[in-house]
N, C-alpha and C. Protein backbone atom coordinates (compact mmCIF):
# COMPACT_ATOMS: atom_id res chain seq x y z
N MET A 1 109.60 38.09 111.50
CA MET A 1 108.68 38.40 110.40
C MET A 1 107.99 39.74 110.61
N ALA A 2 107.59 39.98 111.88
CA ALA A 2 106.93 41.24 112.19
C ALA A 2 107.88 42.41 111.98
N LEU A 3 109.15 42.21 112.38
CA LEU A 3 110.14 43.27 112.20
C LEU A 3 110.36 43.55 110.72
N GLY A 4 110.43 42.48 109.93
CA GLY A 4 110.62 42.66 108.50
C GLY A 4 109.46 43.39 107.86
N ALA A 5 108.24 43.06 108.31
CA ALA A 5 107.06 43.72 107.77
C ALA A 5 107.06 45.20 108.13
N ALA A 6 107.46 45.49 109.38
CA ALA A 6 107.50 46.89 109.82
C ALA A 6 108.53 47.68 109.03
N LEU A 7 109.71 47.06 108.81
CA LEU A 7 110.74 47.74 108.03
C LEU A 7 110.28 47.98 106.60
N GLY A 8 109.61 46.96 106.04
CA GLY A 8 109.11 47.10 104.68
C GLY A 8 108.08 48.20 104.57
N ALA A 9 107.21 48.31 105.58
CA ALA A 9 106.20 49.36 105.58
C ALA A 9 106.85 50.73 105.68
N GLY A 10 107.91 50.81 106.49
CA GLY A 10 108.60 52.08 106.63
C GLY A 10 109.25 52.51 105.34
N VAL A 11 109.90 51.57 104.66
CA VAL A 11 110.54 51.88 103.38
C VAL A 11 109.49 52.32 102.37
N THR A 12 108.34 51.62 102.35
CA THR A 12 107.28 51.98 101.40
C THR A 12 106.76 53.38 101.66
N ALA A 13 106.52 53.70 102.94
CA ALA A 13 106.01 55.03 103.28
C ALA A 13 107.00 56.10 102.88
N HIS A 14 108.29 55.81 103.03
CA HIS A 14 109.32 56.78 102.68
C HIS A 14 109.35 57.02 101.17
N ALA A 15 109.11 55.96 100.40
CA ALA A 15 109.32 56.02 98.96
C ALA A 15 108.07 56.42 98.17
N VAL A 16 106.88 56.17 98.72
CA VAL A 16 105.65 56.40 97.96
C VAL A 16 105.56 57.80 97.37
N PRO A 17 105.94 58.87 98.10
CA PRO A 17 105.84 60.20 97.48
C PRO A 17 106.66 60.34 96.20
N GLY A 18 107.65 59.48 96.01
CA GLY A 18 108.44 59.53 94.79
C GLY A 18 107.61 59.27 93.54
N LEU A 19 106.45 58.63 93.71
CA LEU A 19 105.57 58.39 92.57
C LEU A 19 105.01 59.68 92.00
N LEU A 20 105.11 60.76 92.78
CA LEU A 20 104.66 62.06 92.28
C LEU A 20 105.50 62.53 91.10
N GLY A 21 106.63 61.89 90.89
CA GLY A 21 107.45 62.22 89.73
C GLY A 21 106.83 61.74 88.43
N ILE A 22 105.85 60.85 88.50
CA ILE A 22 105.13 60.37 87.32
C ILE A 22 104.01 61.36 87.01
N PRO A 23 104.01 61.97 85.82
CA PRO A 23 103.09 63.09 85.55
C PRO A 23 101.63 62.82 85.85
N TRP A 24 101.08 61.68 85.42
CA TRP A 24 99.64 61.48 85.59
C TRP A 24 99.28 61.25 87.05
N ILE A 25 100.19 60.63 87.81
CA ILE A 25 99.95 60.46 89.24
C ILE A 25 100.01 61.82 89.94
N ARG A 26 101.00 62.61 89.56
CA ARG A 26 101.18 63.92 90.15
C ARG A 26 99.94 64.78 89.94
N ALA A 27 99.43 64.77 88.71
CA ALA A 27 98.27 65.60 88.39
C ALA A 27 97.02 65.11 89.10
N ALA A 28 96.89 63.80 89.25
CA ALA A 28 95.70 63.24 89.88
C ALA A 28 95.68 63.50 91.38
N VAL A 29 96.85 63.48 92.00
CA VAL A 29 96.92 63.62 93.45
C VAL A 29 96.85 65.08 93.88
N SER A 30 97.56 65.96 93.23
CA SER A 30 97.65 67.32 93.71
C SER A 30 97.99 68.30 92.61
N SER A 31 97.00 69.09 92.20
CA SER A 31 97.28 70.10 91.19
C SER A 31 98.17 71.19 91.76
N ARG A 32 98.07 71.43 93.07
CA ARG A 32 98.94 72.44 93.70
C ARG A 32 100.40 72.02 93.60
N MET A 33 100.69 70.75 93.92
CA MET A 33 102.06 70.29 93.88
C MET A 33 102.59 70.24 92.45
N THR A 34 101.70 70.04 91.50
CA THR A 34 102.11 70.04 90.10
C THR A 34 102.48 71.44 89.63
N GLY A 35 101.96 72.44 90.31
CA GLY A 35 102.23 73.81 89.91
C GLY A 35 101.17 74.40 89.02
N VAL A 36 99.97 73.82 89.03
CA VAL A 36 98.89 74.34 88.20
C VAL A 36 98.31 75.59 88.86
N GLY A 37 98.33 76.70 88.13
CA GLY A 37 97.78 77.94 88.65
C GLY A 37 96.51 78.31 87.92
N ASP A 38 95.98 79.45 88.26
CA ASP A 38 94.74 79.93 87.65
C ASP A 38 95.03 81.01 86.62
N GLY A 39 94.09 81.20 85.71
CA GLY A 39 94.16 82.33 84.80
C GLY A 39 95.12 82.15 83.65
N GLY A 40 95.47 83.29 83.04
CA GLY A 40 96.28 83.27 81.82
C GLY A 40 97.75 83.43 82.07
N ARG A 41 98.25 82.90 83.18
CA ARG A 41 99.66 83.01 83.50
C ARG A 41 100.39 81.69 83.30
N ILE A 42 101.69 81.81 83.05
CA ILE A 42 102.57 80.65 83.03
C ILE A 42 103.74 80.96 83.95
N ALA A 43 104.06 80.00 84.82
CA ALA A 43 105.23 80.16 85.69
C ALA A 43 106.44 79.55 85.00
N LEU A 44 107.50 80.34 84.88
CA LEU A 44 108.73 79.89 84.25
C LEU A 44 109.76 79.60 85.33
N THR A 45 110.25 78.36 85.38
CA THR A 45 111.20 77.98 86.42
C THR A 45 112.43 77.32 85.82
N PHE A 46 113.56 77.50 86.51
CA PHE A 46 114.83 76.93 86.09
C PHE A 46 115.45 76.17 87.27
N ASP A 47 116.06 75.03 86.98
CA ASP A 47 116.69 74.20 88.01
C ASP A 47 118.21 74.17 87.85
N ASP A 48 118.87 73.84 88.96
CA ASP A 48 120.27 73.37 89.02
C ASP A 48 121.34 74.46 89.07
N GLY A 49 120.98 75.73 89.05
CA GLY A 49 121.99 76.77 89.14
C GLY A 49 122.20 77.22 90.58
N PRO A 50 122.85 78.38 90.73
CA PRO A 50 123.36 79.25 89.66
C PRO A 50 124.75 78.84 89.20
N ASN A 51 124.95 78.89 87.89
CA ASN A 51 126.22 78.51 87.28
C ASN A 51 126.80 79.74 86.57
N PRO A 52 127.97 80.21 87.00
CA PRO A 52 128.55 81.42 86.38
C PRO A 52 128.76 81.30 84.88
N ALA A 53 128.89 80.07 84.36
CA ALA A 53 129.13 79.89 82.94
C ALA A 53 127.85 80.04 82.11
N SER A 54 126.69 79.85 82.73
CA SER A 54 125.46 79.82 81.94
C SER A 54 124.36 80.71 82.49
N THR A 55 124.15 80.73 83.79
CA THR A 55 123.01 81.44 84.37
C THR A 55 122.95 82.92 83.98
N PRO A 56 124.08 83.65 83.96
CA PRO A 56 123.99 85.07 83.57
C PRO A 56 123.39 85.28 82.19
N ARG A 57 123.59 84.34 81.29
CA ARG A 57 123.05 84.47 79.94
C ARG A 57 121.52 84.34 79.95
N PHE A 58 121.02 83.46 80.81
CA PHE A 58 119.58 83.32 80.94
C PHE A 58 118.98 84.58 81.55
N VAL A 59 119.63 85.09 82.59
CA VAL A 59 119.15 86.30 83.23
C VAL A 59 119.13 87.46 82.24
N GLU A 60 120.18 87.57 81.43
CA GLU A 60 120.25 88.64 80.42
C GLU A 60 119.11 88.54 79.42
N THR A 61 118.85 87.32 78.95
CA THR A 61 117.76 87.11 77.99
C THR A 61 116.41 87.44 78.61
N LEU A 62 116.20 87.00 79.83
CA LEU A 62 114.94 87.28 80.52
C LEU A 62 114.76 88.78 80.75
N ASN A 63 115.81 89.42 81.22
CA ASN A 63 115.72 90.86 81.49
C ASN A 63 115.44 91.65 80.22
N ALA A 64 116.07 91.24 79.13
CA ALA A 64 115.85 91.93 77.86
C ALA A 64 114.41 91.78 77.39
N SER A 65 113.77 90.68 77.80
CA SER A 65 112.37 90.43 77.41
C SER A 65 111.38 90.97 78.43
N GLY A 66 111.90 91.50 79.53
CA GLY A 66 111.01 92.01 80.58
C GLY A 66 110.29 90.92 81.32
N VAL A 67 110.90 89.73 81.37
CA VAL A 67 110.28 88.57 82.02
C VAL A 67 111.06 88.20 83.27
N ARG A 68 110.32 87.87 84.33
CA ARG A 68 110.95 87.39 85.55
C ARG A 68 110.62 85.91 85.71
N ALA A 69 111.51 85.18 86.38
CA ALA A 69 111.36 83.73 86.52
C ALA A 69 111.72 83.31 87.93
N THR A 70 111.51 82.05 88.22
CA THR A 70 111.90 81.45 89.50
C THR A 70 113.07 80.51 89.26
N PHE A 71 114.14 80.69 90.02
CA PHE A 71 115.32 79.85 89.90
C PHE A 71 115.42 78.93 91.12
N PHE A 72 115.23 77.63 90.88
CA PHE A 72 115.38 76.63 91.93
C PHE A 72 116.87 76.33 92.05
N MET A 73 117.48 76.82 93.13
CA MET A 73 118.93 76.80 93.25
C MET A 73 119.42 75.69 94.18
N LEU A 74 120.62 75.21 93.88
CA LEU A 74 121.32 74.27 94.74
C LEU A 74 122.20 75.05 95.70
N GLY A 75 122.13 74.71 96.98
CA GLY A 75 122.91 75.43 97.97
C GLY A 75 124.39 75.42 97.69
N CYS A 76 124.91 74.30 97.20
CA CYS A 76 126.35 74.21 96.94
C CYS A 76 126.75 75.15 95.81
N MET A 77 125.86 75.36 94.84
CA MET A 77 126.15 76.28 93.75
C MET A 77 126.05 77.73 94.22
N VAL A 78 125.09 77.99 95.08
CA VAL A 78 124.93 79.33 95.65
C VAL A 78 126.19 79.73 96.42
N ALA A 79 126.71 78.78 97.22
CA ALA A 79 127.89 79.07 98.03
C ALA A 79 129.10 79.39 97.17
N ARG A 80 129.16 78.83 95.95
CA ARG A 80 130.28 79.09 95.05
C ARG A 80 130.10 80.38 94.25
N ALA A 81 128.88 80.86 94.17
CA ALA A 81 128.61 82.04 93.35
C ALA A 81 127.69 83.01 94.08
N PRO A 82 128.13 83.53 95.21
CA PRO A 82 127.24 84.41 95.99
C PRO A 82 126.89 85.71 95.27
N ALA A 83 127.85 86.31 94.58
CA ALA A 83 127.56 87.57 93.88
C ALA A 83 126.53 87.35 92.77
N LEU A 84 126.67 86.26 92.04
CA LEU A 84 125.71 85.94 90.98
C LEU A 84 124.32 85.72 91.58
N THR A 85 124.26 85.00 92.69
CA THR A 85 122.98 84.74 93.34
C THR A 85 122.29 86.05 93.72
N ARG A 86 123.05 86.95 94.32
CA ARG A 86 122.47 88.25 94.71
C ARG A 86 122.01 89.04 93.49
N SER A 87 122.78 88.97 92.40
CA SER A 87 122.42 89.74 91.21
C SER A 87 121.11 89.25 90.59
N ILE A 88 120.84 87.96 90.71
CA ILE A 88 119.60 87.39 90.19
C ILE A 88 118.41 87.99 90.93
N VAL A 89 118.51 88.06 92.25
CA VAL A 89 117.44 88.64 93.05
C VAL A 89 117.32 90.13 92.77
N GLU A 90 118.44 90.81 92.64
CA GLU A 90 118.42 92.25 92.36
C GLU A 90 117.78 92.55 91.01
N SER A 91 117.80 91.59 90.11
CA SER A 91 117.16 91.77 88.80
C SER A 91 115.66 91.50 88.86
N GLY A 92 115.16 91.13 90.04
CA GLY A 92 113.72 90.94 90.20
C GLY A 92 113.25 89.51 90.11
N HIS A 93 114.18 88.57 89.98
CA HIS A 93 113.80 87.17 89.87
C HIS A 93 113.61 86.56 91.26
N GLU A 94 112.96 85.44 91.29
CA GLU A 94 112.67 84.75 92.54
C GLU A 94 113.62 83.57 92.73
N VAL A 95 114.10 83.39 93.96
CA VAL A 95 114.91 82.23 94.26
C VAL A 95 114.06 81.21 95.00
N ALA A 96 114.30 79.94 94.71
CA ALA A 96 113.60 78.84 95.35
C ALA A 96 114.61 77.74 95.64
N LEU A 97 114.18 76.75 96.38
CA LEU A 97 115.10 75.74 96.90
C LEU A 97 115.07 74.44 96.08
N HIS A 98 116.27 73.96 95.76
CA HIS A 98 116.41 72.69 95.05
C HIS A 98 117.26 71.70 95.85
N GLY A 99 117.50 72.05 97.12
CA GLY A 99 118.35 71.23 97.97
C GLY A 99 119.76 71.77 98.03
N TRP A 100 120.59 71.12 98.84
CA TRP A 100 121.98 71.54 98.93
C TRP A 100 122.79 71.04 97.75
N SER A 101 122.65 69.79 97.43
CA SER A 101 123.33 69.19 96.27
C SER A 101 122.32 68.37 95.51
N HIS A 102 122.70 67.94 94.32
CA HIS A 102 121.74 67.25 93.45
C HIS A 102 121.70 65.75 93.77
N HIS A 103 121.47 65.43 95.03
CA HIS A 103 121.38 64.04 95.46
C HIS A 103 119.92 63.60 95.53
N ASN A 104 119.70 62.34 95.25
CA ASN A 104 118.36 61.76 95.32
C ASN A 104 117.93 61.68 96.79
N LEU A 105 116.93 62.46 97.17
CA LEU A 105 116.49 62.48 98.57
C LEU A 105 115.78 61.20 98.98
N MET A 106 115.42 60.37 98.01
CA MET A 106 114.85 59.07 98.34
C MET A 106 115.85 58.19 99.07
N LEU A 107 117.13 58.51 98.94
CA LEU A 107 118.17 57.70 99.55
C LEU A 107 118.63 58.27 100.89
N ARG A 108 117.93 59.27 101.40
CA ARG A 108 118.32 59.90 102.66
C ARG A 108 117.20 59.78 103.69
N GLY A 109 117.60 59.68 104.94
CA GLY A 109 116.64 59.59 106.03
C GLY A 109 116.17 60.95 106.48
N PRO A 110 115.31 60.99 107.50
CA PRO A 110 114.71 62.25 107.95
C PRO A 110 115.73 63.29 108.41
N ARG A 111 116.71 62.89 109.23
CA ARG A 111 117.66 63.87 109.74
C ARG A 111 118.53 64.45 108.64
N ALA A 112 119.05 63.59 107.77
CA ALA A 112 119.92 64.06 106.69
C ALA A 112 119.14 64.93 105.71
N THR A 113 117.90 64.58 105.47
CA THR A 113 117.08 65.36 104.55
C THR A 113 116.81 66.75 105.12
N TYR A 114 116.42 66.81 106.38
CA TYR A 114 116.16 68.11 107.00
C TYR A 114 117.43 68.96 107.01
N ALA A 115 118.55 68.36 107.35
CA ALA A 115 119.81 69.10 107.40
C ALA A 115 120.15 69.65 106.02
N ASP A 116 119.93 68.86 104.97
CA ASP A 116 120.20 69.28 103.59
C ASP A 116 119.37 70.51 103.22
N LEU A 117 118.06 70.43 103.46
CA LEU A 117 117.18 71.53 103.06
C LEU A 117 117.40 72.77 103.93
N ASN A 118 117.60 72.55 105.21
CA ASN A 118 117.80 73.68 106.10
C ASN A 118 119.10 74.43 105.77
N ARG A 119 120.13 73.68 105.43
CA ARG A 119 121.40 74.31 105.07
C ARG A 119 121.25 75.16 103.82
N ALA A 120 120.58 74.62 102.82
CA ALA A 120 120.40 75.36 101.57
C ALA A 120 119.49 76.57 101.78
N ARG A 121 118.42 76.39 102.53
CA ARG A 121 117.50 77.50 102.80
C ARG A 121 118.22 78.63 103.54
N SER A 122 119.05 78.27 104.49
CA SER A 122 119.75 79.27 105.29
C SER A 122 120.72 80.09 104.45
N VAL A 123 121.48 79.43 103.59
CA VAL A 123 122.47 80.17 102.80
C VAL A 123 121.79 81.08 101.79
N LEU A 124 120.67 80.63 101.23
CA LEU A 124 119.93 81.47 100.29
C LEU A 124 119.37 82.71 100.99
N ALA A 125 118.76 82.50 102.14
CA ALA A 125 118.16 83.62 102.87
C ALA A 125 119.23 84.61 103.32
N GLU A 126 120.35 84.08 103.77
CA GLU A 126 121.42 84.95 104.26
C GLU A 126 122.02 85.79 103.15
N LEU A 127 122.23 85.19 101.99
CA LEU A 127 122.88 85.89 100.88
C LEU A 127 121.96 86.89 100.19
N THR A 128 120.69 86.56 100.09
CA THR A 128 119.79 87.35 99.26
C THR A 128 118.80 88.20 100.05
N GLY A 129 118.58 87.83 101.30
CA GLY A 129 117.54 88.50 102.07
C GLY A 129 116.15 88.07 101.65
N GLN A 130 116.08 87.08 100.78
CA GLN A 130 114.80 86.56 100.29
C GLN A 130 114.66 85.11 100.77
N VAL A 131 113.74 84.88 101.70
CA VAL A 131 113.55 83.53 102.23
C VAL A 131 112.81 82.70 101.18
N PRO A 132 113.38 81.57 100.75
CA PRO A 132 112.72 80.77 99.72
C PRO A 132 111.34 80.31 100.17
N ARG A 133 110.41 80.38 99.26
CA ARG A 133 109.04 79.93 99.54
C ARG A 133 108.77 78.54 98.96
N PHE A 134 109.38 78.25 97.81
CA PHE A 134 109.07 77.01 97.11
C PHE A 134 110.25 76.03 97.15
N PHE A 135 109.92 74.75 97.06
CA PHE A 135 110.91 73.68 97.08
C PHE A 135 110.59 72.65 96.01
N ARG A 136 111.62 72.30 95.24
CA ARG A 136 111.50 71.22 94.25
C ARG A 136 112.69 70.28 94.47
N PRO A 137 112.47 69.00 94.69
CA PRO A 137 113.57 68.09 94.97
C PRO A 137 114.35 67.73 93.72
N PRO A 138 115.63 67.40 93.85
CA PRO A 138 116.38 66.91 92.70
C PRO A 138 115.68 65.72 92.06
N HIS A 139 115.69 65.68 90.75
CA HIS A 139 115.05 64.62 89.96
C HIS A 139 113.53 64.63 90.09
N GLY A 140 112.97 65.59 90.82
CA GLY A 140 111.52 65.61 91.02
C GLY A 140 111.02 64.50 91.90
N LEU A 141 111.89 63.94 92.74
CA LEU A 141 111.53 62.79 93.56
C LEU A 141 111.38 63.19 95.03
N PHE A 142 110.15 63.18 95.50
CA PHE A 142 109.88 63.44 96.91
C PHE A 142 109.94 62.14 97.70
N SER A 143 110.35 62.26 98.94
CA SER A 143 110.20 61.18 99.92
C SER A 143 109.33 61.73 101.04
N SER A 144 108.86 60.86 101.92
CA SER A 144 108.10 61.36 103.05
C SER A 144 108.97 62.27 103.91
N SER A 145 110.26 61.95 104.02
CA SER A 145 111.18 62.79 104.80
C SER A 145 111.30 64.18 104.18
N ALA A 146 111.34 64.24 102.86
CA ALA A 146 111.45 65.53 102.18
C ALA A 146 110.20 66.37 102.39
N LEU A 147 109.04 65.74 102.32
CA LEU A 147 107.80 66.47 102.51
C LEU A 147 107.67 66.97 103.95
N LEU A 148 108.08 66.16 104.91
CA LEU A 148 108.04 66.58 106.31
C LEU A 148 109.02 67.72 106.57
N ALA A 149 110.23 67.61 106.00
CA ALA A 149 111.21 68.67 106.16
C ALA A 149 110.72 69.97 105.53
N ALA A 150 110.10 69.87 104.37
CA ALA A 150 109.56 71.07 103.71
C ALA A 150 108.50 71.73 104.58
N ARG A 151 107.66 70.92 105.20
CA ARG A 151 106.63 71.49 106.07
C ARG A 151 107.25 72.20 107.27
N ARG A 152 108.25 71.58 107.87
CA ARG A 152 108.92 72.19 109.03
C ARG A 152 109.59 73.51 108.66
N LEU A 153 110.08 73.60 107.43
CA LEU A 153 110.79 74.80 106.98
C LEU A 153 109.89 75.79 106.26
N ASP A 154 108.58 75.52 106.29
CA ASP A 154 107.60 76.41 105.66
C ASP A 154 107.87 76.57 104.17
N LEU A 155 108.17 75.46 103.51
CA LEU A 155 108.41 75.45 102.07
C LEU A 155 107.23 74.79 101.36
N THR A 156 106.82 75.37 100.25
CA THR A 156 105.73 74.80 99.46
C THR A 156 106.31 73.91 98.36
N PRO A 157 106.01 72.59 98.38
CA PRO A 157 106.53 71.70 97.34
C PRO A 157 105.85 71.97 95.99
N VAL A 158 106.64 72.16 94.96
CA VAL A 158 106.11 72.40 93.62
C VAL A 158 106.97 71.67 92.60
N LEU A 159 106.31 70.94 91.71
CA LEU A 159 107.03 70.26 90.63
C LEU A 159 106.82 71.06 89.34
N TRP A 160 106.13 70.49 88.35
CA TRP A 160 105.94 71.20 87.08
C TRP A 160 104.82 70.53 86.30
N THR A 161 104.31 71.23 85.31
CA THR A 161 103.30 70.64 84.43
C THR A 161 103.87 70.27 83.07
N CYS A 162 104.93 70.97 82.66
CA CYS A 162 105.56 70.63 81.38
C CYS A 162 107.05 70.94 81.46
N PHE A 163 107.85 70.16 80.76
CA PHE A 163 109.29 70.35 80.81
C PHE A 163 109.89 70.08 79.44
N GLY A 164 111.07 70.68 79.22
CA GLY A 164 111.68 70.59 77.90
C GLY A 164 112.60 69.42 77.69
N GLN A 165 112.77 68.59 78.75
CA GLN A 165 113.74 67.49 78.72
C GLN A 165 115.04 67.99 78.09
N ASP A 166 115.57 69.03 78.71
CA ASP A 166 116.69 69.77 78.13
C ASP A 166 118.03 69.44 78.78
N TRP A 167 118.13 68.25 79.36
CA TRP A 167 119.38 67.88 80.03
C TRP A 167 120.11 66.73 79.34
N THR A 168 119.67 66.34 78.15
CA THR A 168 120.27 65.20 77.46
C THR A 168 121.19 65.67 76.34
N PRO A 169 122.13 64.82 75.92
CA PRO A 169 123.02 65.20 74.82
C PRO A 169 122.29 65.44 73.50
N GLN A 170 121.09 64.86 73.37
CA GLN A 170 120.33 64.99 72.12
C GLN A 170 119.46 66.25 72.09
N THR A 171 119.51 67.04 73.15
CA THR A 171 118.66 68.22 73.24
C THR A 171 118.96 69.23 72.13
N THR A 172 117.91 69.77 71.53
CA THR A 172 118.02 70.86 70.57
C THR A 172 116.96 71.91 70.92
N PRO A 173 117.12 73.13 70.44
CA PRO A 173 116.06 74.13 70.68
C PRO A 173 114.71 73.67 70.16
N GLU A 174 114.72 72.99 69.01
CA GLU A 174 113.47 72.51 68.43
C GLU A 174 112.82 71.43 69.30
N SER A 175 113.64 70.53 69.86
CA SER A 175 113.08 69.47 70.69
C SER A 175 112.50 70.04 71.98
N ILE A 176 113.14 71.06 72.53
CA ILE A 176 112.65 71.68 73.76
C ILE A 176 111.29 72.33 73.52
N LEU A 177 111.20 73.15 72.48
CA LEU A 177 109.93 73.81 72.18
C LEU A 177 108.86 72.79 71.84
N GLY A 178 109.24 71.74 71.12
CA GLY A 178 108.27 70.72 70.75
C GLY A 178 107.69 70.01 71.96
N ARG A 179 108.52 69.77 72.96
CA ARG A 179 108.03 69.11 74.18
C ARG A 179 107.18 70.04 75.03
N LEU A 180 107.52 71.32 75.03
CA LEU A 180 106.78 72.27 75.85
C LEU A 180 105.45 72.67 75.23
N ARG A 181 105.41 72.78 73.92
CA ARG A 181 104.27 73.39 73.24
C ARG A 181 102.91 72.82 73.67
N PRO A 182 102.73 71.48 73.77
CA PRO A 182 101.41 70.97 74.17
C PRO A 182 100.97 71.40 75.56
N GLY A 183 101.93 71.76 76.42
CA GLY A 183 101.58 72.12 77.79
C GLY A 183 101.54 73.61 78.05
N LEU A 184 101.71 74.42 77.01
CA LEU A 184 101.72 75.87 77.20
C LEU A 184 100.29 76.41 77.25
N ASN A 185 99.67 76.18 78.39
CA ASN A 185 98.31 76.63 78.63
C ASN A 185 98.28 77.49 79.89
N GLY A 186 97.22 78.26 80.06
CA GLY A 186 97.10 79.08 81.25
C GLY A 186 97.18 78.25 82.51
N GLY A 187 98.01 78.67 83.45
CA GLY A 187 98.18 77.94 84.70
C GLY A 187 99.32 76.96 84.72
N ALA A 188 100.06 76.85 83.62
CA ALA A 188 101.14 75.88 83.53
C ALA A 188 102.38 76.36 84.30
N THR A 189 103.19 75.38 84.70
CA THR A 189 104.51 75.65 85.26
C THR A 189 105.55 74.95 84.40
N ILE A 190 106.45 75.72 83.81
CA ILE A 190 107.48 75.20 82.91
C ILE A 190 108.75 74.88 83.70
N LEU A 191 109.34 73.75 83.40
CA LEU A 191 110.64 73.39 83.96
C LEU A 191 111.69 73.39 82.85
N LEU A 192 112.73 74.22 83.04
CA LEU A 192 113.91 74.23 82.20
C LEU A 192 115.14 74.24 83.11
N HIS A 193 116.32 74.20 82.53
CA HIS A 193 117.55 74.17 83.32
C HIS A 193 118.50 75.28 82.86
N ASP A 194 118.98 76.06 83.83
CA ASP A 194 119.96 77.10 83.51
C ASP A 194 121.38 76.62 83.74
N SER A 195 121.53 75.36 84.11
CA SER A 195 122.84 74.74 84.33
C SER A 195 122.74 73.28 83.95
N ALA A 196 123.81 72.73 83.45
CA ALA A 196 123.80 71.33 83.03
C ALA A 196 124.84 70.54 83.81
N GLY A 197 124.56 69.26 83.99
CA GLY A 197 125.49 68.40 84.72
C GLY A 197 126.53 67.78 83.80
N SER A 198 127.25 66.82 84.33
CA SER A 198 128.34 66.20 83.59
C SER A 198 127.86 65.36 82.43
N ARG A 199 126.60 64.92 82.49
CA ARG A 199 126.09 64.05 81.42
C ARG A 199 126.03 64.79 80.09
N ALA A 200 125.64 66.05 80.12
CA ALA A 200 125.53 66.85 78.89
C ALA A 200 125.88 68.28 79.24
N PRO A 201 127.15 68.59 79.43
CA PRO A 201 127.55 69.91 79.96
C PRO A 201 127.18 71.09 79.08
N ASP A 202 126.92 70.87 77.80
CA ASP A 202 126.58 71.98 76.91
C ASP A 202 125.08 72.04 76.59
N ALA A 203 124.28 71.21 77.25
CA ALA A 203 122.85 71.18 76.94
C ALA A 203 122.18 72.52 77.20
N TRP A 204 122.70 73.29 78.15
CA TRP A 204 122.09 74.58 78.48
C TRP A 204 122.09 75.53 77.29
N LYS A 205 123.03 75.34 76.35
CA LYS A 205 123.08 76.23 75.19
C LYS A 205 121.82 76.07 74.33
N SER A 206 121.33 74.85 74.22
CA SER A 206 120.09 74.63 73.48
C SER A 206 118.91 75.25 74.21
N THR A 207 118.92 75.16 75.54
CA THR A 207 117.85 75.77 76.34
C THR A 207 117.86 77.28 76.17
N LEU A 208 119.04 77.86 76.19
CA LEU A 208 119.16 79.31 76.02
C LEU A 208 118.64 79.73 74.65
N ASP A 209 118.98 78.97 73.60
CA ASP A 209 118.51 79.29 72.26
C ASP A 209 117.00 79.12 72.15
N ALA A 210 116.45 78.17 72.91
CA ALA A 210 115.01 77.91 72.85
C ALA A 210 114.20 78.94 73.62
N LEU A 211 114.82 79.58 74.61
CA LEU A 211 114.06 80.45 75.51
C LEU A 211 113.29 81.56 74.81
N PRO A 212 113.91 82.33 73.89
CA PRO A 212 113.13 83.37 73.21
C PRO A 212 111.95 82.80 72.43
N ARG A 213 112.13 81.62 71.87
CA ARG A 213 111.04 80.99 71.11
C ARG A 213 109.89 80.60 72.04
N VAL A 214 110.25 80.11 73.22
CA VAL A 214 109.22 79.75 74.21
C VAL A 214 108.45 80.99 74.64
N LEU A 215 109.17 82.07 74.90
CA LEU A 215 108.52 83.31 75.32
C LEU A 215 107.63 83.86 74.19
N ASP A 216 108.10 83.76 72.96
CA ASP A 216 107.30 84.23 71.82
C ASP A 216 106.03 83.40 71.68
N GLU A 217 106.16 82.09 71.88
CA GLU A 217 104.99 81.21 71.76
C GLU A 217 103.97 81.54 72.84
N CYS A 218 104.43 81.81 74.05
CA CYS A 218 103.51 82.18 75.13
C CYS A 218 102.82 83.50 74.81
N ALA A 219 103.58 84.46 74.28
CA ALA A 219 103.00 85.76 73.93
C ALA A 219 101.96 85.59 72.83
N ARG A 220 102.26 84.73 71.87
CA ARG A 220 101.32 84.49 70.77
C ARG A 220 100.01 83.93 71.28
N ARG A 221 100.07 83.16 72.36
CA ARG A 221 98.87 82.57 72.95
C ARG A 221 98.21 83.48 73.98
N GLY A 222 98.77 84.67 74.15
CA GLY A 222 98.18 85.61 75.10
C GLY A 222 98.44 85.26 76.55
N LEU A 223 99.53 84.54 76.82
CA LEU A 223 99.85 84.10 78.17
C LEU A 223 100.95 84.96 78.78
N ARG A 224 100.77 85.38 80.00
CA ARG A 224 101.77 86.17 80.71
C ARG A 224 102.72 85.22 81.44
N VAL A 225 104.00 85.44 81.24
CA VAL A 225 105.03 84.58 81.84
C VAL A 225 105.65 85.30 83.03
N GLY A 226 105.81 84.57 84.13
CA GLY A 226 106.40 85.18 85.31
C GLY A 226 106.85 84.12 86.31
N PRO A 227 107.24 84.56 87.50
CA PRO A 227 107.71 83.64 88.53
C PRO A 227 106.55 82.94 89.23
N LEU A 228 106.90 81.92 90.01
CA LEU A 228 105.88 81.19 90.76
C LEU A 228 105.15 82.07 91.77
N ARG A 229 105.83 83.07 92.29
CA ARG A 229 105.20 83.92 93.30
C ARG A 229 103.96 84.63 92.73
N ASP A 230 103.89 84.78 91.40
CA ASP A 230 102.72 85.42 90.77
C ASP A 230 101.66 84.41 90.38
N HIS A 231 101.97 83.13 90.54
CA HIS A 231 101.01 82.08 90.23
C HIS A 231 100.00 81.98 91.35
N VAL A 232 98.74 81.83 91.02
CA VAL A 232 97.71 81.61 92.04
C VAL A 232 97.48 80.11 92.14
N LEU A 233 98.15 79.48 93.11
CA LEU A 233 98.03 78.04 93.27
C LEU A 233 96.75 77.70 94.03
N PRO A 234 96.12 76.58 93.68
CA PRO A 234 94.91 76.17 94.41
C PRO A 234 95.24 75.84 95.86
N ALA A 235 94.23 75.81 96.68
CA ALA A 235 94.45 75.62 98.12
C ALA A 235 94.73 74.17 98.49
N ASN A 236 94.36 73.21 97.61
CA ASN A 236 94.57 71.82 98.01
C ASN A 236 96.04 71.47 98.05
N ALA A 237 96.43 70.59 98.99
CA ALA A 237 97.83 70.21 99.16
C ALA A 237 98.13 68.94 98.40
């Protein structure tokens, strides 16, 4: 019975950080982890790339608008597209860590989690010369192992304050902007995707079409859009 209780406690401790994926819990526990910054800035972030079929189009749109963003990259995608990865950094954008592959870290133990993040961090740093500062787990689900690994690797965990839910087959440019609009306030961190998975492989096209509208809406509100590195995050962890 004691062994079972100990195992249960261990599983609970490992899984509890996953509750940070729930917006109101995330905001209540840590504004820093949510990505809330100060002032009239908005941090624009993209997950799941770099994808040669889609990411260059996002970079082109951003560059044409004079906007820089943070790309949370998967190590496996970086390894397949090294030239694209370097070009993103050369264009002035920031690279951040999304893990090696899009696996749920809640299902991995401490050693496997550390190995996953360290592998992805190493390939990004080697290819770009830019050591990732920020980390966002796949699905937005942290485990205690992921948080410990991030600390060991000097990575700052950051989720988001608003997202376009742009990974579903039903996604449209209008639905993305509609979901983002209530959260477009000073200090916000936006989550979008520059690459789509097998569930909705063309969803990124709606995100791309929505991007200029999102940037226009931010400009209309007098908000400056940029990467997370320009965000002034609060000191609380």
